[in-house]
Amino acid sequence: MKTKFEHAIGDLVICKYELDYYVRLSPFLSDIAPVFYIGIVIARQSQLLVFYERDFIYEVLCTEGNRRYFAKWEVEKLSL
Protein backbone atom coordinates (compact mmCIF):
# COMPACT_ATOMS: atom_id res chain seq x y z
CA MET A 1 0.00 0.00 0.00
CA LYS A 2 1.48 3.30 -1.10
CA THR A 3 0.44 6.50 0.67
CA LYS A 4 0.86 9.95 -0.83
CA PHE A 5 2.11 13.00 0.98
CA GLU A 6 -0.81 15.16 2.06
CA HIS A 7 1.07 18.48 2.01
CA ALA A 8 3.22 19.95 -0.76
CA ILE A 9 6.52 21.75 -0.39
CA GLY A 10 5.71 25.41 0.16
CA ASP A 11 2.45 24.82 2.04
CA LEU A 12 1.81 27.03 5.07
CA VAL A 13 1.12 24.66 7.97
CA ILE A 14 0.45 24.62 11.68
CA CYS A 15 2.14 21.83 13.62
CA LYS A 16 1.92 20.40 17.12
CA TYR A 17 4.08 17.65 18.54
CA GLU A 18 1.93 14.70 19.63
CA LEU A 19 3.62 13.62 22.84
CA ASP A 20 1.22 10.82 23.71
CA TYR A 21 3.60 8.21 22.32
CA TYR A 22 6.40 9.30 24.67
CA VAL A 23 6.72 7.85 28.14
CA ARG A 24 6.02 10.48 30.75
CA LEU A 25 8.91 10.43 33.22
CA SER A 26 7.72 13.28 35.38
CA PRO A 27 4.28 14.34 36.63
CA PHE A 28 5.32 17.95 35.89
CA LEU A 29 5.27 17.32 32.14
CA SER A 30 1.49 16.99 32.17
CA ASP A 31 1.20 20.66 33.21
CA ILE A 32 2.92 21.94 30.06
CA ALA A 33 0.55 23.64 27.63
CA PRO A 34 0.62 22.39 24.05
CA VAL A 35 2.89 24.42 21.78
CA PHE A 36 1.95 25.10 18.18
CA TYR A 37 4.40 25.97 15.43
CA ILE A 38 3.57 27.75 12.19
CA GLY A 39 5.83 27.38 9.21
CA ILE A 40 6.39 26.33 5.62
CA VAL A 41 7.02 22.76 4.47
CA ILE A 42 10.52 22.74 2.98
CA ALA A 43 11.07 18.99 2.58
CA ARG A 44 9.25 15.68 2.76
CA GLN A 45 11.04 12.53 3.75
CA SER A 46 9.99 8.96 3.30
CA GLN A 47 13.19 7.58 4.82
CA LEU A 48 11.81 6.40 8.08
CA LEU A 49 14.38 6.46 10.82
CA VAL A 50 12.55 8.04 13.73
CA PHE A 51 8.87 7.23 13.44
CA TYR A 52 6.87 4.17 12.57
CA GLU A 53 7.45 2.60 9.16
CA ARG A 54 4.16 3.65 7.63
CA ASP A 55 4.54 7.37 8.30
CA PHE A 56 6.06 10.26 6.39
CA ILE A 57 8.06 13.03 7.94
CA TYR A 58 7.81 16.72 7.05
CA GLU A 59 10.64 19.19 7.54
CA VAL A 60 9.11 22.56 8.41
CA LEU A 61 10.86 25.94 8.55
CA CYS A 62 9.04 27.54 11.48
CA THR A 63 8.42 31.26 11.96
CA GLU A 64 11.02 31.49 14.74
CA GLY A 65 13.69 30.37 12.24
CA ASN A 66 14.18 26.76 13.37
CA ARG A 67 13.77 23.68 11.22
CA ARG A 68 11.57 21.10 12.92
CA TYR A 69 10.45 17.63 11.93
CA PHE A 70 6.86 16.41 12.25
CA ALA A 71 5.00 13.21 11.44
CA LYS A 72 2.04 13.51 9.08
CA TRP A 73 -0.52 13.37 11.89
CA GLU A 74 1.13 16.41 13.56
CA VAL A 75 0.78 18.71 10.52
CA GLU A 76 -2.31 20.58 9.31
CA LYS A 77 -2.49 22.95 6.36
CA LEU A 78 -3.54 26.53 7.07
CA SER A 79 -6.16 28.07 4.81
CA LEU A 80 -6.03 31.76 4.04
PDB file of N, CA and C in Angstrom:
ATOM      1  N   MET A   1       0.840  -1.178   0.000  1.00  0.00           N
ATOM      2  CA  MET A   1       0.000   0.000   0.000  1.00  0.00           C
ATOM      3  C   MET A   1       0.881   1.234   0.000  1.00  0.00           C
ATOM      4  N   LYS A   2       0.686   2.105  -0.973  1.00  0.00           N
ATOM      5  CA  LYS A   2       1.480   3.303  -1.101  1.00  0.00           C
ATOM      6  C   LYS A   2       0.641   4.508  -0.714  1.00  0.00           C
ATOM      7  N   THR A   3       1.146   5.318   0.204  1.00  0.00           N
ATOM      8  CA  THR A   3       0.444   6.501   0.671  1.00  0.00           C
ATOM      9  C   THR A   3       1.110   7.737   0.090  1.00  0.00           C
ATOM     10  N   LYS A   4       0.320   8.707  -0.300  1.00  0.00           N
ATOM     11  CA  LYS A   4       0.860   9.947  -0.832  1.00  0.00           C
ATOM     12  C   LYS A   4       1.049  10.954   0.285  1.00  0.00           C
ATOM     13  N   PHE A   5       1.963  11.883   0.045  1.00  0.00           N
ATOM     14  CA  PHE A   5       2.109  13.001   0.976  1.00  0.00           C
ATOM     15  C   PHE A   5       0.858  13.865   0.890  1.00  0.00           C
ATOM     16  N   GLU A   6       0.396  14.339   2.028  1.00  0.00           N
ATOM     17  CA  GLU A   6      -0.807  15.156   2.064  1.00  0.00           C
ATOM     18  C   GLU A   6      -0.513  16.629   1.820  1.00  0.00           C
ATOM     19  N   HIS A   7       0.712  17.074   2.120  1.00  0.00           N
ATOM     20  CA  HIS A   7       1.072  18.480   2.005  1.00  0.00           C
ATOM     21  C   HIS A   7       2.230  18.625   1.020  1.00  0.00           C
ATOM     22  N   ALA A   8       2.180  19.692   0.241  1.00  0.00           N
ATOM     23  CA  ALA A   8       3.219  19.953  -0.760  1.00  0.00           C
ATOM     24  C   ALA A   8       4.296  20.857  -0.167  1.00  0.00           C
ATOM     25  N   ILE A   9       5.457  20.831  -0.785  1.00  0.00           N
ATOM     26  CA  ILE A   9       6.518  21.748  -0.394  1.00  0.00           C
ATOM     27  C   ILE A   9       6.026  23.160  -0.680  1.00  0.00           C
ATOM     28  N   GLY A  10       6.190  24.039   0.290  1.00  0.00           N
ATOM     29  CA  GLY A  10       5.711  25.414   0.164  1.00  0.00           C
ATOM     30  C   GLY A  10       4.394  25.679   0.850  1.00  0.00           C
ATOM     31  N   ASP A  11       3.713  24.642   1.324  1.00  0.00           N
ATOM     32  CA  ASP A  11       2.445  24.824   2.037  1.00  0.00           C
ATOM     33  C   ASP A  11       2.682  25.483   3.399  1.00  0.00           C
ATOM     34  N   LEU A  12       1.803  26.414   3.751  1.00  0.00           N
ATOM     35  CA  LEU A  12       1.810  27.025   5.067  1.00  0.00           C
ATOM     36  C   LEU A  12       1.058  26.088   6.006  1.00  0.00           C
ATOM     37  N   VAL A  13       1.707  25.672   7.091  1.00  0.00           N
ATOM     38  CA  VAL A  13       1.120  24.664   7.969  1.00  0.00           C
ATOM     39  C   VAL A  13       1.223  25.092   9.430  1.00  0.00           C
ATOM     40  N   ILE A  14       0.364  24.499  10.232  1.00  0.00           N
ATOM     41  CA  ILE A  14       0.446  24.615  11.678  1.00  0.00           C
ATOM     42  C   ILE A  14       0.744  23.215  12.204  1.00  0.00           C
ATOM     43  N   CYS A  15       1.670  23.137  13.150  1.00  0.00           N
ATOM     44  CA  CYS A  15       2.144  21.834  13.624  1.00  0.00           C
ATOM     45  C   CYS A  15       2.129  21.800  15.149  1.00  0.00           C
ATOM     46  N   LYS A  16       1.905  20.618  15.668  1.00  0.00           N
ATOM     47  CA  LYS A  16       1.918  20.402  17.116  1.00  0.00           C
ATOM     48  C   LYS A  16       2.490  19.023  17.359  1.00  0.00           C
ATOM     49  N   TYR A  17       3.526  18.950  18.202  1.00  0.00           N
ATOM     50  CA  TYR A  17       4.077  17.647  18.537  1.00  0.00           C
ATOM     51  C   TYR A  17       3.064  16.842  19.328  1.00  0.00           C
ATOM     52  N   GLU A  18       2.832  15.621  18.930  1.00  0.00           N
ATOM     53  CA  GLU A  18       1.932  14.705  19.627  1.00  0.00           C
ATOM     54  C   GLU A  18       2.792  13.896  20.591  1.00  0.00           C
ATOM     55  N   LEU A  19       2.732  14.234  21.856  1.00  0.00           N
ATOM     56  CA  LEU A  19       3.621  13.620  22.837  1.00  0.00           C
ATOM     57  C   LEU A  19       3.016  12.405  23.519  1.00  0.00           C
ATOM     58  N   ASP A  20       1.858  11.962  23.060  1.00  0.00           N
ATOM     59  CA  ASP A  20       1.216  10.822  23.712  1.00  0.00           C
ATOM     60  C   ASP A  20       2.005   9.531  23.545  1.00  0.00           C
ATOM     61  N   TYR A  21       2.849   9.441  22.527  1.00  0.00           N
ATOM     62  CA  TYR A  21       3.605   8.213  22.318  1.00  0.00           C
ATOM     63  C   TYR A  21       4.916   8.199  23.104  1.00  0.00           C
ATOM     64  N   TYR A  22       5.220   9.284  23.815  1.00  0.00           N
ATOM     65  CA  TYR A  22       6.400   9.301  24.674  1.00  0.00           C
ATOM     66  C   TYR A  22       6.016   8.845  26.075  1.00  0.00           C
ATOM     67  N   VAL A  23       6.950   8.249  26.756  1.00  0.00           N
ATOM     68  CA  VAL A  23       6.725   7.851  28.139  1.00  0.00           C
ATOM     69  C   VAL A  23       6.914   9.074  29.016  1.00  0.00           C
ATOM     70  N   ARG A  24       5.939   9.332  29.841  1.00  0.00           N
ATOM     71  CA  ARG A  24       6.024  10.476  30.755  1.00  0.00           C
ATOM     72  C   ARG A  24       6.871  10.079  31.958  1.00  0.00           C
ATOM     73  N   LEU A  25       8.002  10.750  32.124  1.00  0.00           N
ATOM     74  CA  LEU A  25       8.910  10.426  33.218  1.00  0.00           C
ATOM     75  C   LEU A  25       8.670  11.289  34.443  1.00  0.00           C
ATOM     76  N   SER A  26       7.932  12.363  34.278  1.00  0.00           N
ATOM     77  CA  SER A  26       7.717  13.276  35.382  1.00  0.00           C
ATOM     78  C   SER A  26       6.262  13.726  35.393  1.00  0.00           C
ATOM     79  N   PRO A  27       5.664  13.838  36.568  1.00  0.00           N
ATOM     80  CA  PRO A  27       4.284  14.341  36.627  1.00  0.00           C
ATOM     81  C   PRO A  27       4.198  15.816  36.236  1.00  0.00           C
ATOM     82  N   PHE A  28       5.329  16.528  36.235  1.00  0.00           N
ATOM     83  CA  PHE A  28       5.322  17.948  35.893  1.00  0.00           C
ATOM     84  C   PHE A  28       5.129  18.167  34.395  1.00  0.00           C
ATOM     85  N   LEU A  29       5.426  17.169  33.581  1.00  0.00           N
ATOM     86  CA  LEU A  29       5.272  17.317  32.141  1.00  0.00           C
ATOM     87  C   LEU A  29       3.811  17.445  31.724  1.00  0.00           C
ATOM     88  N   SER A  30       2.908  16.919  32.525  1.00  0.00           N
ATOM     89  CA  SER A  30       1.493  16.992  32.167  1.00  0.00           C
ATOM     90  C   SER A  30       0.936  18.409  32.310  1.00  0.00           C
ATOM     91  N   ASP A  31       1.652  19.286  33.019  1.00  0.00           N
ATOM     92  CA  ASP A  31       1.201  20.660  33.210  1.00  0.00           C
ATOM     93  C   ASP A  31       1.616  21.591  32.076  1.00  0.00           C
ATOM     94  N   ILE A  32       2.429  21.106  31.145  1.00  0.00           N
ATOM     95  CA  ILE A  32       2.918  21.942  30.064  1.00  0.00           C
ATOM     96  C   ILE A  32       1.819  22.114  29.014  1.00  0.00           C
ATOM     97  N   ALA A  33       1.566  23.355  28.649  1.00  0.00           N
ATOM     98  CA  ALA A  33       0.548  23.641  27.633  1.00  0.00           C
ATOM     99  C   ALA A  33       1.071  23.219  26.264  1.00  0.00           C
ATOM    100  N   PRO A  34       0.182  22.768  25.391  1.00  0.00           N
ATOM    101  CA  PRO A  34       0.624  22.389  24.050  1.00  0.00           C
ATOM    102  C   PRO A  34       1.178  23.595  23.292  1.00  0.00           C
ATOM    103  N   VAL A  35       2.242  23.364  22.550  1.00  0.00           N
ATOM    104  CA  VAL A  35       2.889  24.425  21.781  1.00  0.00           C
ATOM    105  C   VAL A  35       2.626  24.170  20.305  1.00  0.00           C
ATOM    106  N   PHE A  36       2.207  25.191  19.609  1.00  0.00           N
ATOM    107  CA  PHE A  36       1.952  25.100  18.185  1.00  0.00           C
ATOM    108  C   PHE A  36       3.053  25.840  17.440  1.00  0.00           C
ATOM    109  N   TYR A  37       3.405  25.333  16.284  1.00  0.00           N
ATOM    110  CA  TYR A  37       4.398  25.968  15.426  1.00  0.00           C
ATOM    111  C   TYR A  37       3.758  26.241  14.072  1.00  0.00           C
ATOM    112  N   ILE A  38       4.032  27.406  13.523  1.00  0.00           N
ATOM    113  CA  ILE A  38       3.566  27.753  12.186  1.00  0.00           C
ATOM    114  C   ILE A  38       4.789  27.879  11.300  1.00  0.00           C
ATOM    115  N   GLY A  39       4.698  27.316  10.102  1.00  0.00           N
ATOM    116  CA  GLY A  39       5.834  27.383   9.205  1.00  0.00           C
ATOM    117  C   GLY A  39       5.485  26.904   7.811  1.00  0.00           C
ATOM    118  N   ILE A  40       6.526  26.741   7.005  1.00  0.00           N
ATOM    119  CA  ILE A  40       6.387  26.326   5.617  1.00  0.00           C
ATOM    120  C   ILE A  40       7.080  24.981   5.449  1.00  0.00           C
ATOM    121  N   VAL A  41       6.424  24.057   4.766  1.00  0.00           N
ATOM    122  CA  VAL A  41       7.021  22.755   4.474  1.00  0.00           C
ATOM    123  C   VAL A  41       8.160  22.973   3.485  1.00  0.00           C
ATOM    124  N   ILE A  42       9.377  22.568   3.865  1.00  0.00           N
ATOM    125  CA  ILE A  42      10.523  22.739   2.977  1.00  0.00           C
ATOM    126  C   ILE A  42      11.044  21.411   2.447  1.00  0.00           C
ATOM    127  N   ALA A  43      10.646  20.305   3.069  1.00  0.00           N
ATOM    128  CA  ALA A  43      11.073  18.995   2.576  1.00  0.00           C
ATOM    129  C   ALA A  43      10.127  17.931   3.104  1.00  0.00           C
ATOM    130  N   ARG A  44      10.044  16.840   2.342  1.00  0.00           N
ATOM    131  CA  ARG A  44       9.248  15.681   2.755  1.00  0.00           C
ATOM    132  C   ARG A  44      10.171  14.477   2.676  1.00  0.00           C
ATOM    133  N   GLN A  45      10.145  13.676   3.708  1.00  0.00           N
ATOM    134  CA  GLN A  45      11.040  12.528   3.753  1.00  0.00           C
ATOM    135  C   GLN A  45      10.241  11.248   3.900  1.00  0.00           C
ATOM    136  N   SER A  46      10.611  10.274   3.131  1.00  0.00           N
ATOM    137  CA  SER A  46       9.993   8.963   3.300  1.00  0.00           C
ATOM    138  C   SER A  46      11.007   7.965   3.831  1.00  0.00           C
ATOM    139  N   GLN A  47      12.225   8.425   4.137  1.00  0.00           N
ATOM    140  CA  GLN A  47      13.193   7.583   4.824  1.00  0.00           C
ATOM    141  C   GLN A  47      12.783   7.589   6.284  1.00  0.00           C
ATOM    142  N   LEU A  48      12.439   6.454   6.772  1.00  0.00           N
ATOM    143  CA  LEU A  48      11.806   6.398   8.078  1.00  0.00           C
ATOM    144  C   LEU A  48      12.790   5.891   9.118  1.00  0.00           C
ATOM    145  N   LEU A  49      13.392   6.818   9.820  1.00  0.00           N
ATOM    146  CA  LEU A  49      14.384   6.456  10.821  1.00  0.00           C
ATOM    147  C   LEU A  49      13.885   6.694  12.237  1.00  0.00           C
ATOM    148  N   VAL A  50      12.971   7.640  12.395  1.00  0.00           N
ATOM    149  CA  VAL A  50      12.550   8.040  13.730  1.00  0.00           C
ATOM    150  C   VAL A  50      11.183   7.495  14.092  1.00  0.00           C
ATOM    151  N   PHE A  51      10.246   7.591  13.155  1.00  0.00           N
ATOM    152  CA  PHE A  51       8.867   7.234  13.443  1.00  0.00           C
ATOM    153  C   PHE A  51       8.539   5.839  12.910  1.00  0.00           C
ATOM    154  N   TYR A  52       7.311   5.469  13.039  1.00  0.00           N
ATOM    155  CA  TYR A  52       6.866   4.173  12.573  1.00  0.00           C
ATOM    156  C   TYR A  52       7.045   4.049  11.066  1.00  0.00           C
ATOM    157  N   GLU A  53       7.155   2.844  10.564  1.00  0.00           N
ATOM    158  CA  GLU A  53       7.449   2.601   9.159  1.00  0.00           C
ATOM    159  C   GLU A  53       6.431   3.180   8.199  1.00  0.00           C
ATOM    160  N   ARG A  54       5.209   3.249   8.571  1.00  0.00           N
ATOM    161  CA  ARG A  54       4.162   3.648   7.625  1.00  0.00           C
ATOM    162  C   ARG A  54       4.007   5.159   7.503  1.00  0.00           C
ATOM    163  N   ASP A  55       4.758   5.934   8.247  1.00  0.00           N
ATOM    164  CA  ASP A  55       4.536   7.372   8.301  1.00  0.00           C
ATOM    165  C   ASP A  55       5.589   8.165   7.540  1.00  0.00           C
ATOM    166  N   PHE A  56       5.178   9.330   7.081  1.00  0.00           N
ATOM    167  CA  PHE A  56       6.060  10.260   6.391  1.00  0.00           C
ATOM    168  C   PHE A  56       6.446  11.377   7.346  1.00  0.00           C
ATOM    169  N   ILE A  57       7.561  11.973   7.081  1.00  0.00           N
ATOM    170  CA  ILE A  57       8.063  13.033   7.939  1.00  0.00           C
ATOM    171  C   ILE A  57       8.180  14.310   7.117  1.00  0.00           C
ATOM    172  N   TYR A  58       7.711  15.414   7.686  1.00  0.00           N
ATOM    173  CA  TYR A  58       7.809  16.718   7.054  1.00  0.00           C
ATOM    174  C   TYR A  58       8.866  17.550   7.765  1.00  0.00           C
ATOM    175  N   GLU A  59       9.703  18.222   6.990  1.00  0.00           N
ATOM    176  CA  GLU A  59      10.644  19.191   7.537  1.00  0.00           C
ATOM    177  C   GLU A  59      10.003  20.558   7.338  1.00  0.00           C
ATOM    178  N   VAL A  60       9.831  21.293   8.438  1.00  0.00           N
ATOM    179  CA  VAL A  60       9.114  22.563   8.411  1.00  0.00           C
ATOM    180  C   VAL A  60      10.039  23.672   8.901  1.00  0.00           C
ATOM    181  N   LEU A  61      10.134  24.752   8.123  1.00  0.00           N
ATOM    182  CA  LEU A  61      10.859  25.940   8.547  1.00  0.00           C
ATOM    183  C   LEU A  61       9.864  26.811   9.297  1.00  0.00           C
ATOM    184  N   CYS A  62      10.016  26.856  10.622  1.00  0.00           N
ATOM    185  CA  CYS A  62       9.044  27.544  11.478  1.00  0.00           C
ATOM    186  C   CYS A  62       9.320  29.046  11.514  1.00  0.00           C
ATOM    187  N   THR A  63       8.330  29.805  11.965  1.00  0.00           N
ATOM    188  CA  THR A  63       8.418  31.259  11.963  1.00  0.00           C
ATOM    189  C   THR A  63       9.516  31.791  12.866  1.00  0.00           C
ATOM    190  N   GLU A  64       9.934  31.023  13.871  1.00  0.00           N
ATOM    191  CA  GLU A  64      11.024  31.495  14.737  1.00  0.00           C
ATOM    192  C   GLU A  64      12.395  31.210  14.131  1.00  0.00           C
ATOM    193  N   GLY A  65      12.435  30.589  12.946  1.00  0.00           N
ATOM    194  CA  GLY A  65      13.692  30.373  12.239  1.00  0.00           C
ATOM    195  C   GLY A  65      14.288  28.986  12.386  1.00  0.00           C
ATOM    196  N   ASN A  66      13.673  28.125  13.172  1.00  0.00           N
ATOM    197  CA  ASN A  66      14.180  26.760  13.368  1.00  0.00           C
ATOM    198  C   ASN A  66      13.538  25.792  12.392  1.00  0.00           C
ATOM    199  N   ARG A  67      14.310  24.784  12.005  1.00  0.00           N
ATOM    200  CA  ARG A  67      13.767  23.680  11.220  1.00  0.00           C
ATOM    201  C   ARG A  67      13.325  22.599  12.196  1.00  0.00           C
ATOM    202  N   ARG A  68      12.110  22.139  12.042  1.00  0.00           N
ATOM    203  CA  ARG A  68      11.567  21.096  12.920  1.00  0.00           C
ATOM    204  C   ARG A  68      11.001  19.987  12.054  1.00  0.00           C
ATOM    205  N   TYR A  69      10.913  18.803  12.651  1.00  0.00           N
ATOM    206  CA  TYR A  69      10.445  17.625  11.929  1.00  0.00           C
ATOM    207  C   TYR A  69       9.173  17.123  12.585  1.00  0.00           C
ATOM    208  N   PHE A  70       8.165  16.842  11.753  1.00  0.00           N
ATOM    209  CA  PHE A  70       6.863  16.411  12.246  1.00  0.00           C
ATOM    210  C   PHE A  70       6.377  15.211  11.449  1.00  0.00           C
ATOM    211  N   ALA A  71       5.674  14.319  12.123  1.00  0.00           N
ATOM    212  CA  ALA A  71       5.004  13.212  11.444  1.00  0.00           C
ATOM    213  C   ALA A  71       3.747  13.763  10.777  1.00  0.00           C
ATOM    214  N   LYS A  72       3.182  12.992   9.848  1.00  0.00           N
ATOM    215  CA  LYS A  72       2.045  13.506   9.076  1.00  0.00           C
ATOM    216  C   LYS A  72       0.828  13.816   9.940  1.00  0.00           C
ATOM    217  N   TRP A  73       0.655  13.109  11.042  1.00  0.00           N
ATOM    218  CA  TRP A  73      -0.518  13.365  11.886  1.00  0.00           C
ATOM    219  C   TRP A  73      -0.319  14.602  12.774  1.00  0.00           C
ATOM    220  N   GLU A  74       0.865  15.204  12.755  1.00  0.00           N
ATOM    221  CA  GLU A  74       1.133  16.405  13.561  1.00  0.00           C
ATOM    222  C   GLU A  74       1.054  17.688  12.723  1.00  0.00           C
ATOM    223  N   VAL A  75       0.755  17.578  11.449  1.00  0.00           N
ATOM    224  CA  VAL A  75       0.782  18.708  10.523  1.00  0.00           C
ATOM    225  C   VAL A  75      -0.602  18.949   9.934  1.00  0.00           C
ATOM    226  N   GLU A  76      -1.030  20.217   9.910  1.00  0.00           N
ATOM    227  CA  GLU A  76      -2.307  20.577   9.314  1.00  0.00           C
ATOM    228  C   GLU A  76      -2.106  21.837   8.467  1.00  0.00           C
ATOM    229  N   LYS A  77      -2.634  21.825   7.279  1.00  0.00           N
ATOM    230  CA  LYS A  77      -2.485  22.953   6.360  1.00  0.00           C
ATOM    231  C   LYS A  77      -3.358  24.114   6.809  1.00  0.00           C
ATOM    232  N   LEU A  78      -2.791  25.324   6.747  1.00  0.00           N
ATOM    233  CA  LEU A  78      -3.544  26.532   7.071  1.00  0.00           C
ATOM    234  C   LEU A  78      -4.199  27.075   5.817  1.00  0.00           C
ATOM    235  N   SER A  79      -5.436  27.465   5.929  1.00  0.00           N
ATOM    236  CA  SER A  79      -6.164  28.073   4.811  1.00  0.00           C
ATOM    237  C   SER A  79      -6.207  29.571   5.018  1.00  0.00           C
ATOM    238  N   LEU A  80      -5.978  30.303   3.956  1.00  0.00           N
ATOM    239  CA  LEU A  80      -6.028  31.760   4.036  1.00  0.00           C
ATOM    240  C   LEU A  80      -7.302  32.298   3.470  1.00  0.00           C
TER     241      LEU A  80
END
